[in-house]
Amino acid sequence: MEYLKYGEKELNHLRSNDRQLGEVIDRLGFLERPFTQDLFVALVESIISQQISSKAAMTVTKRVYELLGEITPENIAMTNHFHIQKCGMSLKKASYIKIAADAILSGVINLSEFAGMSDQQVIDKLTILPGVGVWTAEMLMIFSLQRQDVLSFDDLVIRRAMSKIYGIKEIDRETFEMCRKRYSPYCSVASLYLWEVAEN
């Protein structure tokens, strides 16, 4: 298993720019978070994971692997919607996965181009797919493309953790952007610690 790459340089930047987050980093220590190098697999897994628990998502993903052998656009294109649905997801999600596979096979989306795109270009390209919103695109940028400066305003868990750390009842856009500026260019690493705060 491969993990997101960061080290003391990134952590020291966050410590020096944000005292409260620095205290969280010192308390939690180094966090290991796995990433999925295959962007299409990450996309399918993100669609599966929407609005269900992590445990349920793991079960459904396992069944999809059992059905397909390997998650590829070609294998999905050759599989009926209803067989994908029977892995434990809604027919709508199965349709989203089929549409994503078709978009890649038809050349509407070329995943190999993403490495050279800006964050906003990646978001714009991915969100043309039904079932893929800004948050999903941001998670793919962190956990597949390994972009280091992603902080999602649409992630309620992130904002809840900020509220807890800074003692602020509600994190509005202005406060969020102030935090983003302090974390940058290592917002993705900050995100790891904010998620951990919320989970604990």
N, C-alpha and C. Protein backbone atom coordinates (compact mmCIF):
# COMPACT_ATOMS: atom_id res chain seq x y z
N MET A 1 0.84 -1.20 0.00
CA MET A 1 0.00 0.00 0.00
C MET A 1 0.88 1.25 0.00
N GLU A 2 0.49 2.23 -0.83
CA GLU A 2 1.23 3.48 -0.89
C GLU A 2 0.49 4.56 -0.11
N TYR A 3 1.28 5.49 0.47
CA TYR A 3 0.70 6.53 1.31
C TYR A 3 1.02 7.91 0.74
N LEU A 4 0.18 8.89 1.10
CA LEU A 4 0.42 10.26 0.68
C LEU A 4 1.78 10.72 1.16
N LYS A 5 2.47 11.44 0.30
CA LYS A 5 3.85 11.82 0.59
C LYS A 5 3.90 13.23 1.19
N TYR A 6 4.40 13.33 2.39
CA TYR A 6 4.70 14.61 3.02
C TYR A 6 5.64 14.35 4.18
N GLY A 7 6.22 15.40 4.72
CA GLY A 7 7.20 15.21 5.79
C GLY A 7 7.33 16.44 6.66
N GLU A 8 8.50 16.56 7.31
CA GLU A 8 8.71 17.63 8.28
C GLU A 8 8.64 19.02 7.65
N LYS A 9 9.03 19.17 6.40
CA LYS A 9 8.97 20.49 5.76
C LYS A 9 7.53 21.00 5.77
N GLU A 10 6.60 20.15 5.34
CA GLU A 10 5.20 20.55 5.28
C GLU A 10 4.63 20.77 6.69
N LEU A 11 4.97 19.87 7.62
CA LEU A 11 4.45 19.99 8.98
C LEU A 11 5.00 21.23 9.67
N ASN A 12 6.28 21.54 9.47
CA ASN A 12 6.86 22.72 10.09
C ASN A 12 6.23 24.01 9.54
N HIS A 13 5.89 24.00 8.25
CA HIS A 13 5.21 25.16 7.68
C HIS A 13 3.86 25.38 8.37
N LEU A 14 3.11 24.31 8.55
CA LEU A 14 1.80 24.43 9.20
C LEU A 14 1.94 24.84 10.66
N ARG A 15 2.94 24.27 11.34
CA ARG A 15 3.17 24.63 12.75
C ARG A 15 3.49 26.12 12.90
N SER A 16 4.36 26.61 12.02
CA SER A 16 4.81 27.99 12.15
C SER A 16 3.73 28.99 11.72
N ASN A 17 2.83 28.58 10.85
CA ASN A 17 1.80 29.50 10.35
C ASN A 17 0.50 29.46 11.14
N ASP A 18 0.29 28.37 11.91
CA ASP A 18 -0.98 28.23 12.63
C ASP A 18 -0.74 27.49 13.95
N ARG A 19 -0.76 28.24 15.04
CA ARG A 19 -0.43 27.66 16.35
C ARG A 19 -1.38 26.54 16.74
N GLN A 20 -2.69 26.77 16.56
CA GLN A 20 -3.66 25.75 16.98
C GLN A 20 -3.51 24.46 16.17
N LEU A 21 -3.32 24.60 14.86
CA LEU A 21 -3.12 23.39 14.05
C LEU A 21 -1.80 22.73 14.41
N GLY A 22 -0.78 23.54 14.71
CA GLY A 22 0.50 22.99 15.14
C GLY A 22 0.37 22.14 16.38
N GLU A 23 -0.47 22.57 17.32
CA GLU A 23 -0.70 21.78 18.54
C GLU A 23 -1.37 20.45 18.20
N VAL A 24 -2.28 20.48 17.23
CA VAL A 24 -2.94 19.24 16.78
C VAL A 24 -1.92 18.29 16.16
N ILE A 25 -1.04 18.83 15.32
CA ILE A 25 -0.01 18.01 14.67
C ILE A 25 0.88 17.36 15.72
N ASP A 26 1.31 18.14 16.71
CA ASP A 26 2.19 17.60 17.76
C ASP A 26 1.48 16.53 18.58
N ARG A 27 0.18 16.70 18.78
CA ARG A 27 -0.57 15.72 19.58
C ARG A 27 -0.81 14.42 18.81
N LEU A 28 -1.12 14.55 17.52
CA LEU A 28 -1.48 13.37 16.74
C LEU A 28 -0.28 12.66 16.12
N GLY A 29 0.81 13.39 15.91
CA GLY A 29 1.98 12.78 15.27
C GLY A 29 1.78 12.61 13.78
N PHE A 30 2.63 11.82 13.17
CA PHE A 30 2.58 11.63 11.72
C PHE A 30 1.40 10.73 11.35
N LEU A 31 0.61 11.16 10.37
CA LEU A 31 -0.56 10.39 9.93
C LEU A 31 -0.28 9.72 8.59
N GLU A 32 -0.64 8.47 8.48
CA GLU A 32 -0.50 7.75 7.21
C GLU A 32 -1.87 7.62 6.58
N ARG A 33 -2.01 8.12 5.36
CA ARG A 33 -3.26 7.98 4.61
C ARG A 33 -2.95 7.38 3.25
N PRO A 34 -3.56 6.25 2.93
CA PRO A 34 -3.29 5.61 1.64
C PRO A 34 -3.86 6.41 0.48
N PHE A 35 -3.27 6.27 -0.69
CA PHE A 35 -3.82 6.90 -1.87
C PHE A 35 -3.98 5.87 -2.98
N THR A 36 -4.85 6.18 -3.92
CA THR A 36 -5.13 5.29 -5.05
C THR A 36 -4.53 5.90 -6.30
N GLN A 37 -3.48 5.31 -6.80
CA GLN A 37 -2.77 5.88 -7.95
C GLN A 37 -3.61 5.84 -9.22
N ASP A 38 -4.43 4.83 -9.38
CA ASP A 38 -5.28 4.70 -10.56
C ASP A 38 -6.46 5.65 -10.43
N LEU A 39 -6.48 6.69 -11.23
CA LEU A 39 -7.49 7.73 -11.10
C LEU A 39 -8.89 7.22 -11.41
N PHE A 40 -9.02 6.29 -12.36
CA PHE A 40 -10.35 5.77 -12.67
C PHE A 40 -10.89 4.93 -11.51
N VAL A 41 -10.04 4.11 -10.92
CA VAL A 41 -10.46 3.33 -9.74
C VAL A 41 -10.90 4.28 -8.63
N ALA A 42 -10.12 5.35 -8.42
CA ALA A 42 -10.47 6.33 -7.39
C ALA A 42 -11.80 6.99 -7.68
N LEU A 43 -12.06 7.27 -8.96
CA LEU A 43 -13.33 7.89 -9.36
C LEU A 43 -14.50 6.96 -9.07
N VAL A 44 -14.37 5.70 -9.45
CA VAL A 44 -15.44 4.73 -9.20
C VAL A 44 -15.67 4.57 -7.70
N GLU A 45 -14.59 4.46 -6.94
CA GLU A 45 -14.73 4.30 -5.49
C GLU A 45 -15.38 5.52 -4.86
N SER A 46 -15.09 6.71 -5.39
CA SER A 46 -15.69 7.92 -4.83
C SER A 46 -17.19 7.97 -5.10
N ILE A 47 -17.62 7.51 -6.27
CA ILE A 47 -19.05 7.45 -6.58
C ILE A 47 -19.74 6.44 -5.67
N ILE A 48 -19.12 5.30 -5.49
CA ILE A 48 -19.68 4.27 -4.60
C ILE A 48 -19.85 4.83 -3.19
N SER A 49 -18.87 5.62 -2.73
CA SER A 49 -18.83 6.06 -1.33
C SER A 49 -19.81 7.16 -0.99
N GLN A 50 -20.40 7.78 -1.98
CA GLN A 50 -21.29 8.92 -1.72
C GLN A 50 -22.49 8.54 -0.86
N GLN A 51 -22.63 9.27 0.25
CA GLN A 51 -23.80 9.17 1.13
C GLN A 51 -23.98 7.81 1.80
N ILE A 52 -22.90 7.05 1.92
CA ILE A 52 -22.95 5.81 2.70
C ILE A 52 -21.73 5.76 3.61
N SER A 53 -21.76 4.89 4.61
CA SER A 53 -20.66 4.80 5.56
C SER A 53 -19.42 4.19 4.89
N SER A 54 -18.28 4.41 5.51
CA SER A 54 -17.03 3.86 4.98
C SER A 54 -17.08 2.33 4.93
N LYS A 55 -17.68 1.74 5.95
CA LYS A 55 -17.78 0.27 6.01
C LYS A 55 -18.64 -0.25 4.87
N ALA A 56 -19.78 0.40 4.64
CA ALA A 56 -20.66 -0.02 3.55
C ALA A 56 -19.97 0.15 2.20
N ALA A 57 -19.24 1.26 2.05
CA ALA A 57 -18.54 1.51 0.79
C ALA A 57 -17.50 0.43 0.52
N MET A 58 -16.79 0.00 1.55
CA MET A 58 -15.79 -1.05 1.39
C MET A 58 -16.44 -2.35 0.94
N THR A 59 -17.60 -2.66 1.50
CA THR A 59 -18.32 -3.89 1.13
C THR A 59 -18.76 -3.84 -0.33
N VAL A 60 -19.33 -2.70 -0.74
CA VAL A 60 -19.79 -2.57 -2.12
C VAL A 60 -18.62 -2.63 -3.10
N THR A 61 -17.53 -1.93 -2.76
CA THR A 61 -16.35 -1.92 -3.63
C THR A 61 -15.79 -3.34 -3.79
N LYS A 62 -15.76 -4.08 -2.70
CA LYS A 62 -15.28 -5.47 -2.76
C LYS A 62 -16.13 -6.30 -3.73
N ARG A 63 -17.44 -6.09 -3.69
CA ARG A 63 -18.34 -6.83 -4.59
C ARG A 63 -18.12 -6.43 -6.04
N VAL A 64 -17.83 -5.14 -6.26
CA VAL A 64 -17.56 -4.69 -7.64
C VAL A 64 -16.30 -5.37 -8.17
N TYR A 65 -15.28 -5.46 -7.33
CA TYR A 65 -14.06 -6.17 -7.73
C TYR A 65 -14.36 -7.64 -8.03
N GLU A 66 -15.19 -8.26 -7.19
CA GLU A 66 -15.55 -9.66 -7.42
C GLU A 66 -16.30 -9.83 -8.73
N LEU A 67 -17.13 -8.85 -9.07
CA LEU A 67 -17.89 -8.90 -10.32
C LEU A 67 -17.00 -8.69 -11.54
N LEU A 68 -16.12 -7.69 -11.46
CA LEU A 68 -15.34 -7.29 -12.64
C LEU A 68 -13.96 -7.92 -12.72
N GLY A 69 -13.43 -8.33 -11.57
CA GLY A 69 -12.04 -8.79 -11.54
C GLY A 69 -11.09 -7.62 -11.38
N GLU A 70 -11.25 -6.63 -12.24
CA GLU A 70 -10.45 -5.41 -12.21
C GLU A 70 -11.35 -4.25 -12.62
N ILE A 71 -11.23 -3.14 -11.90
CA ILE A 71 -12.05 -1.97 -12.23
C ILE A 71 -11.37 -1.17 -13.33
N THR A 72 -11.88 -1.32 -14.55
CA THR A 72 -11.37 -0.57 -15.70
C THR A 72 -12.57 -0.06 -16.49
N PRO A 73 -12.39 0.99 -17.30
CA PRO A 73 -13.49 1.46 -18.14
C PRO A 73 -14.02 0.36 -19.06
N GLU A 74 -13.10 -0.45 -19.60
CA GLU A 74 -13.50 -1.52 -20.53
C GLU A 74 -14.39 -2.56 -19.84
N ASN A 75 -13.99 -2.98 -18.64
CA ASN A 75 -14.77 -3.99 -17.92
C ASN A 75 -16.15 -3.46 -17.54
N ILE A 76 -16.21 -2.19 -17.15
CA ILE A 76 -17.50 -1.60 -16.79
C ILE A 76 -18.39 -1.44 -18.02
N ALA A 77 -17.79 -1.03 -19.14
CA ALA A 77 -18.57 -0.86 -20.36
C ALA A 77 -19.21 -2.17 -20.81
N MET A 78 -18.58 -3.28 -20.51
CA MET A 78 -19.09 -4.58 -20.94
C MET A 78 -20.08 -5.19 -19.93
N THR A 79 -20.32 -4.47 -18.83
CA THR A 79 -21.17 -5.01 -17.76
C THR A 79 -22.49 -4.26 -17.70
N ASN A 80 -23.57 -4.98 -17.56
CA ASN A 80 -24.90 -4.39 -17.49
C ASN A 80 -25.08 -3.55 -16.22
N HIS A 81 -25.82 -2.43 -16.34
CA HIS A 81 -26.14 -1.58 -15.20
C HIS A 81 -26.66 -2.39 -14.00
N PHE A 82 -27.55 -3.32 -14.31
CA PHE A 82 -28.23 -4.04 -13.23
C PHE A 82 -27.29 -4.97 -12.48
N HIS A 83 -26.30 -5.51 -13.17
CA HIS A 83 -25.31 -6.34 -12.48
C HIS A 83 -24.46 -5.48 -11.55
N ILE A 84 -24.11 -4.28 -11.99
CA ILE A 84 -23.36 -3.37 -11.13
C ILE A 84 -24.21 -2.96 -9.93
N GLN A 85 -25.47 -2.68 -10.17
CA GLN A 85 -26.38 -2.29 -9.09
C GLN A 85 -26.46 -3.38 -8.02
N LYS A 86 -26.47 -4.63 -8.45
CA LYS A 86 -26.60 -5.75 -7.50
C LYS A 86 -25.42 -5.89 -6.56
N CYS A 87 -24.35 -5.13 -6.82
CA CYS A 87 -23.22 -5.12 -5.88
C CYS A 87 -23.58 -4.38 -4.59
N GLY A 88 -24.74 -3.68 -4.60
CA GLY A 88 -25.19 -3.02 -3.38
C GLY A 88 -25.34 -1.53 -3.48
N MET A 89 -25.51 -1.02 -4.68
CA MET A 89 -25.67 0.43 -4.86
C MET A 89 -26.98 0.72 -5.58
N SER A 90 -27.34 2.00 -5.64
CA SER A 90 -28.55 2.38 -6.36
C SER A 90 -28.30 2.28 -7.87
N LEU A 91 -29.40 2.19 -8.61
CA LEU A 91 -29.28 2.15 -10.06
C LEU A 91 -28.67 3.47 -10.58
N LYS A 92 -28.96 4.57 -9.89
CA LYS A 92 -28.41 5.86 -10.28
C LYS A 92 -26.88 5.85 -10.18
N LYS A 93 -26.36 5.31 -9.08
CA LYS A 93 -24.90 5.22 -8.94
C LYS A 93 -24.29 4.32 -10.01
N ALA A 94 -24.95 3.20 -10.27
CA ALA A 94 -24.46 2.30 -11.31
C ALA A 94 -24.42 3.02 -12.66
N SER A 95 -25.42 3.86 -12.92
CA SER A 95 -25.46 4.63 -14.17
C SER A 95 -24.33 5.65 -14.22
N TYR A 96 -24.06 6.31 -13.09
CA TYR A 96 -22.95 7.28 -13.04
C TYR A 96 -21.63 6.60 -13.39
N ILE A 97 -21.43 5.40 -12.86
CA ILE A 97 -20.19 4.66 -13.12
C ILE A 97 -20.09 4.28 -14.59
N LYS A 98 -21.21 3.83 -15.16
CA LYS A 98 -21.22 3.49 -16.59
C LYS A 98 -20.93 4.71 -17.46
N ILE A 99 -21.53 5.85 -17.12
CA ILE A 99 -21.32 7.08 -17.89
C ILE A 99 -19.86 7.51 -17.81
N ALA A 100 -19.25 7.41 -16.62
CA ALA A 100 -17.84 7.77 -16.46
C ALA A 100 -16.96 6.89 -17.34
N ALA A 101 -17.23 5.59 -17.35
CA ALA A 101 -16.46 4.67 -18.19
C ALA A 101 -16.61 5.03 -19.67
N ASP A 102 -17.84 5.32 -20.09
CA ASP A 102 -18.09 5.67 -21.50
C ASP A 102 -17.37 6.96 -21.88
N ALA A 103 -17.35 7.94 -20.96
CA ALA A 103 -16.69 9.22 -21.24
C ALA A 103 -15.19 9.04 -21.45
N ILE A 104 -14.61 8.12 -20.72
CA ILE A 104 -13.18 7.87 -20.87
C ILE A 104 -12.90 7.08 -22.15
N LEU A 105 -13.71 6.08 -22.41
CA LEU A 105 -13.49 5.27 -23.62
C LEU A 105 -13.74 6.07 -24.90
N SER A 106 -14.65 7.04 -24.84
CA SER A 106 -14.95 7.85 -26.02
C SER A 106 -13.99 9.01 -26.20
N GLY A 107 -13.14 9.26 -25.19
CA GLY A 107 -12.18 10.35 -25.29
C GLY A 107 -12.70 11.69 -24.80
N VAL A 108 -13.93 11.73 -24.30
CA VAL A 108 -14.46 12.97 -23.74
C VAL A 108 -13.60 13.42 -22.56
N ILE A 109 -13.14 12.44 -21.79
CA ILE A 109 -12.23 12.71 -20.68
C ILE A 109 -10.98 11.87 -20.87
N ASN A 110 -9.83 12.52 -20.80
CA ASN A 110 -8.55 11.82 -20.90
C ASN A 110 -7.83 11.97 -19.57
N LEU A 111 -7.88 10.93 -18.76
CA LEU A 111 -7.33 11.01 -17.40
C LEU A 111 -5.82 11.25 -17.40
N SER A 112 -5.14 10.84 -18.45
CA SER A 112 -3.68 11.03 -18.50
C SER A 112 -3.30 12.50 -18.61
N GLU A 113 -4.24 13.35 -19.01
CA GLU A 113 -3.96 14.79 -19.14
C GLU A 113 -4.05 15.52 -17.80
N PHE A 114 -4.63 14.89 -16.80
CA PHE A 114 -4.91 15.58 -15.56
C PHE A 114 -3.65 16.05 -14.83
N ALA A 115 -2.59 15.29 -14.96
CA ALA A 115 -1.35 15.65 -14.25
C ALA A 115 -0.84 17.02 -14.66
N GLY A 116 -1.10 17.42 -15.91
CA GLY A 116 -0.64 18.71 -16.39
C GLY A 116 -1.66 19.83 -16.26
N MET A 117 -2.80 19.55 -15.67
CA MET A 117 -3.86 20.55 -15.52
C MET A 117 -3.77 21.25 -14.18
N SER A 118 -4.31 22.47 -14.12
CA SER A 118 -4.46 23.17 -12.85
C SER A 118 -5.57 22.50 -12.05
N ASP A 119 -5.64 22.82 -10.75
CA ASP A 119 -6.70 22.26 -9.92
C ASP A 119 -8.08 22.61 -10.49
N GLN A 120 -8.26 23.86 -10.89
CA GLN A 120 -9.56 24.28 -11.40
C GLN A 120 -9.90 23.57 -12.71
N GLN A 121 -8.90 23.34 -13.55
CA GLN A 121 -9.15 22.61 -14.80
C GLN A 121 -9.59 21.18 -14.52
N VAL A 122 -8.97 20.54 -13.52
CA VAL A 122 -9.36 19.17 -13.13
C VAL A 122 -10.81 19.17 -12.64
N ILE A 123 -11.15 20.15 -11.79
CA ILE A 123 -12.52 20.24 -11.28
C ILE A 123 -13.50 20.44 -12.43
N ASP A 124 -13.19 21.38 -13.32
CA ASP A 124 -14.09 21.66 -14.45
C ASP A 124 -14.30 20.43 -15.32
N LYS A 125 -13.25 19.66 -15.52
CA LYS A 125 -13.35 18.48 -16.39
C LYS A 125 -14.15 17.36 -15.72
N LEU A 126 -13.84 17.10 -14.45
CA LEU A 126 -14.50 15.99 -13.77
C LEU A 126 -15.98 16.26 -13.50
N THR A 127 -16.31 17.51 -13.23
CA THR A 127 -17.69 17.81 -12.84
C THR A 127 -18.66 17.86 -14.03
N ILE A 128 -18.16 17.62 -15.23
CA ILE A 128 -19.11 17.43 -16.34
C ILE A 128 -19.78 16.06 -16.24
N LEU A 129 -19.20 15.17 -15.44
CA LEU A 129 -19.78 13.84 -15.25
C LEU A 129 -20.91 13.90 -14.24
N PRO A 130 -22.05 13.31 -14.53
CA PRO A 130 -23.12 13.25 -13.52
C PRO A 130 -22.66 12.44 -12.32
N GLY A 131 -23.03 12.92 -11.14
CA GLY A 131 -22.63 12.22 -9.92
C GLY A 131 -21.27 12.62 -9.41
N VAL A 132 -20.59 13.53 -10.10
CA VAL A 132 -19.27 14.00 -9.66
C VAL A 132 -19.34 15.50 -9.42
N GLY A 133 -19.29 15.90 -8.16
CA GLY A 133 -19.32 17.31 -7.80
C GLY A 133 -17.94 17.83 -7.47
N VAL A 134 -17.90 19.07 -7.02
CA VAL A 134 -16.61 19.70 -6.69
C VAL A 134 -15.90 18.93 -5.58
N TRP A 135 -16.64 18.52 -4.54
CA TRP A 135 -16.01 17.81 -3.43
C TRP A 135 -15.35 16.52 -3.91
N THR A 136 -16.05 15.77 -4.75
CA THR A 136 -15.48 14.52 -5.26
C THR A 136 -14.20 14.79 -6.05
N ALA A 137 -14.23 15.82 -6.89
CA ALA A 137 -13.04 16.18 -7.66
C ALA A 137 -11.88 16.57 -6.73
N GLU A 138 -12.19 17.29 -5.67
CA GLU A 138 -11.14 17.69 -4.71
C GLU A 138 -10.55 16.48 -4.01
N MET A 139 -11.39 15.50 -3.65
CA MET A 139 -10.87 14.30 -3.00
C MET A 139 -9.97 13.50 -3.95
N LEU A 140 -10.34 13.47 -5.22
CA LEU A 140 -9.50 12.78 -6.20
C LEU A 140 -8.16 13.49 -6.36
N MET A 141 -8.19 14.81 -6.28
CA MET A 141 -6.93 15.56 -6.40
C MET A 141 -6.00 15.25 -5.23
N ILE A 142 -6.57 15.07 -4.04
CA ILE A 142 -5.73 14.74 -2.88
C ILE A 142 -5.28 13.28 -2.93
N PHE A 143 -6.24 12.38 -3.05
CA PHE A 143 -5.98 10.97 -2.81
C PHE A 143 -5.63 10.16 -4.05
N SER A 144 -5.55 10.80 -5.21
CA SER A 144 -5.11 10.10 -6.40
C SER A 144 -4.03 10.90 -7.13
N LEU A 145 -4.29 12.18 -7.35
CA LEU A 145 -3.30 13.03 -8.03
C LEU A 145 -2.24 13.56 -7.07
N GLN A 146 -2.48 13.41 -5.76
CA GLN A 146 -1.55 13.86 -4.72
C GLN A 146 -1.22 15.35 -4.83
N ARG A 147 -2.24 16.16 -5.10
CA ARG A 147 -2.06 17.62 -5.07
C ARG A 147 -1.92 18.04 -3.61
N GLN A 148 -0.97 18.92 -3.33
CA GLN A 148 -0.66 19.25 -1.94
C GLN A 148 -1.41 20.44 -1.38
N ASP A 149 -2.15 21.16 -2.22
CA ASP A 149 -2.73 22.42 -1.73
C ASP A 149 -4.25 22.45 -1.92
N VAL A 150 -4.93 21.39 -1.48
CA VAL A 150 -6.38 21.28 -1.64
C VAL A 150 -7.05 21.30 -0.26
N LEU A 151 -7.99 22.22 -0.09
CA LEU A 151 -8.79 22.32 1.13
C LEU A 151 -10.23 22.55 0.69
N SER A 152 -11.13 21.66 1.07
CA SER A 152 -12.49 21.68 0.52
C SER A 152 -13.46 22.40 1.44
N PHE A 153 -13.99 23.51 0.96
CA PHE A 153 -15.04 24.22 1.71
C PHE A 153 -16.31 23.39 1.77
N ASP A 154 -16.54 22.56 0.76
CA ASP A 154 -17.75 21.74 0.71
C ASP A 154 -17.70 20.54 1.67
N ASP A 155 -16.55 20.33 2.30
CA ASP A 155 -16.40 19.20 3.22
C ASP A 155 -16.85 19.65 4.62
N LEU A 156 -18.02 19.20 5.03
CA LEU A 156 -18.57 19.60 6.33
C LEU A 156 -17.71 19.13 7.49
N VAL A 157 -17.03 18.00 7.31
CA VAL A 157 -16.16 17.47 8.36
C VAL A 157 -14.97 18.40 8.58
N ILE A 158 -14.42 18.92 7.49
CA ILE A 158 -13.32 19.89 7.58
C ILE A 158 -13.77 21.12 8.37
N ARG A 159 -14.92 21.65 8.04
CA ARG A 159 -15.40 22.87 8.71
C ARG A 159 -15.75 22.59 10.18
N ARG A 160 -16.26 21.40 10.46
CA ARG A 160 -16.54 21.04 11.85
C ARG A 160 -15.26 20.97 12.67
N ALA A 161 -14.21 20.41 12.07
CA ALA A 161 -12.92 20.34 12.77
C ALA A 161 -12.34 21.73 13.01
N MET A 162 -12.47 22.62 12.03
CA MET A 162 -12.01 24.00 12.21
C MET A 162 -12.74 24.67 13.37
N SER A 163 -14.05 24.47 13.44
CA SER A 163 -14.84 25.04 14.53
C SER A 163 -14.31 24.57 15.88
N LYS A 164 -13.97 23.30 15.95
CA LYS A 164 -13.47 22.72 17.19
C LYS A 164 -12.09 23.28 17.56
N ILE A 165 -11.21 23.36 16.58
CA ILE A 165 -9.84 23.82 16.83
C ILE A 165 -9.80 25.29 17.23
N TYR A 166 -10.57 26.10 16.52
CA TYR A 166 -10.48 27.55 16.71
C TYR A 166 -11.56 28.11 17.64
N GLY A 167 -12.47 27.24 18.12
CA GLY A 167 -13.52 27.69 19.03
C GLY A 167 -14.49 28.66 18.38
N ILE A 168 -14.77 28.44 17.10
CA ILE A 168 -15.69 29.30 16.35
C ILE A 168 -16.94 28.48 16.04
N LYS A 169 -18.10 29.05 16.32
CA LYS A 169 -19.35 28.29 16.16
C LYS A 169 -19.57 27.87 14.71
N GLU A 170 -19.37 28.79 13.79
CA GLU A 170 -19.61 28.49 12.37
C GLU A 170 -18.47 29.04 11.52
N ILE A 171 -17.95 28.20 10.64
CA ILE A 171 -16.86 28.61 9.75
C ILE A 171 -17.48 29.11 8.44
N ASP A 172 -17.47 30.43 8.29
CA ASP A 172 -18.00 30.98 7.03
C ASP A 172 -16.89 31.03 5.99
N ARG A 173 -17.25 31.48 4.80
CA ARG A 173 -16.29 31.46 3.69
C ARG A 173 -15.08 32.34 3.99
N GLU A 174 -15.30 33.48 4.60
CA GLU A 174 -14.20 34.40 4.88
C GLU A 174 -13.20 33.79 5.86
N THR A 175 -13.71 33.19 6.93
CA THR A 175 -12.83 32.53 7.90
C THR A 175 -12.09 31.37 7.27
N PHE A 176 -12.81 30.60 6.47
CA PHE A 176 -12.22 29.46 5.76
C PHE A 176 -11.05 29.92 4.89
N GLU A 177 -11.25 31.01 4.14
CA GLU A 177 -10.19 31.50 3.25
C GLU A 177 -8.99 32.01 4.04
N MET A 178 -9.21 32.58 5.22
CA MET A 178 -8.10 33.01 6.07
C MET A 178 -7.26 31.79 6.48
N CYS A 179 -7.94 30.72 6.84
CA CYS A 179 -7.23 29.49 7.22
C CYS A 179 -6.49 28.91 6.02
N ARG A 180 -7.14 28.91 4.87
CA ARG A 180 -6.51 28.38 3.66
C ARG A 180 -5.19 29.10 3.37
N LYS A 181 -5.20 30.42 3.52
CA LYS A 181 -3.98 31.19 3.25
C LYS A 181 -2.86 30.82 4.22
N ARG A 182 -3.22 30.55 5.47
CA ARG A 182 -2.20 30.15 6.46
C ARG A 182 -1.64 28.76 6.15
N TYR A 183 -2.50 27.85 5.72
CA TYR A 183 -2.07 26.48 5.43
C TYR A 183 -1.27 26.37 4.13
N SER A 184 -1.64 27.18 3.14
CA SER A 184 -1.07 27.07 1.80
C SER A 184 0.45 27.25 1.83
N PRO A 185 1.21 26.48 1.04
CA PRO A 185 0.80 25.58 -0.05
C PRO A 185 0.61 24.12 0.35
N TYR A 186 0.30 23.87 1.63
CA TYR A 186 0.17 22.49 2.09
C TYR A 186 -1.21 22.23 2.70
N CYS A 187 -2.24 22.73 2.01
CA CYS A 187 -3.61 22.57 2.50
C CYS A 187 -4.02 21.10 2.58
N SER A 188 -3.53 20.27 1.69
CA SER A 188 -3.91 18.85 1.71
C SER A 188 -3.42 18.17 2.98
N VAL A 189 -2.23 18.53 3.42
CA VAL A 189 -1.69 17.96 4.66
C VAL A 189 -2.52 18.46 5.84
N ALA A 190 -2.87 19.74 5.83
CA ALA A 190 -3.76 20.28 6.87
C ALA A 190 -5.07 19.52 6.89
N SER A 191 -5.60 19.19 5.71
CA SER A 191 -6.86 18.45 5.62
C SER A 191 -6.78 17.12 6.36
N LEU A 192 -5.65 16.42 6.23
CA LEU A 192 -5.49 15.14 6.91
C LEU A 192 -5.69 15.29 8.41
N TYR A 193 -5.11 16.35 8.98
CA TYR A 193 -5.20 16.56 10.43
C TYR A 193 -6.58 17.04 10.84
N LEU A 194 -7.22 17.82 10.00
CA LEU A 194 -8.58 18.26 10.31
C LEU A 194 -9.55 17.07 10.30
N TRP A 195 -9.41 16.18 9.33
CA TRP A 195 -10.25 14.98 9.32
C TRP A 195 -10.03 14.14 10.57
N GLU A 196 -8.79 14.02 10.98
CA GLU A 196 -8.47 13.22 12.16
C GLU A 196 -9.09 13.84 13.41
N VAL A 197 -9.05 15.15 13.51
CA VAL A 197 -9.67 15.85 14.64
C VAL A 197 -11.16 15.55 14.70
N ALA A 198 -11.82 15.63 13.55
CA ALA A 198 -13.26 15.38 13.49
C ALA A 198 -13.59 13.94 13.84
N GLU A 199 -12.77 13.01 13.39
CA GLU A 199 -13.02 11.59 13.62
C GLU A 199 -12.85 11.22 15.08
N ASN A 200 -12.02 12.00 15.79
CA ASN A 200 -11.74 11.70 17.20
C ASN A 200 -12.46 12.64 18.14
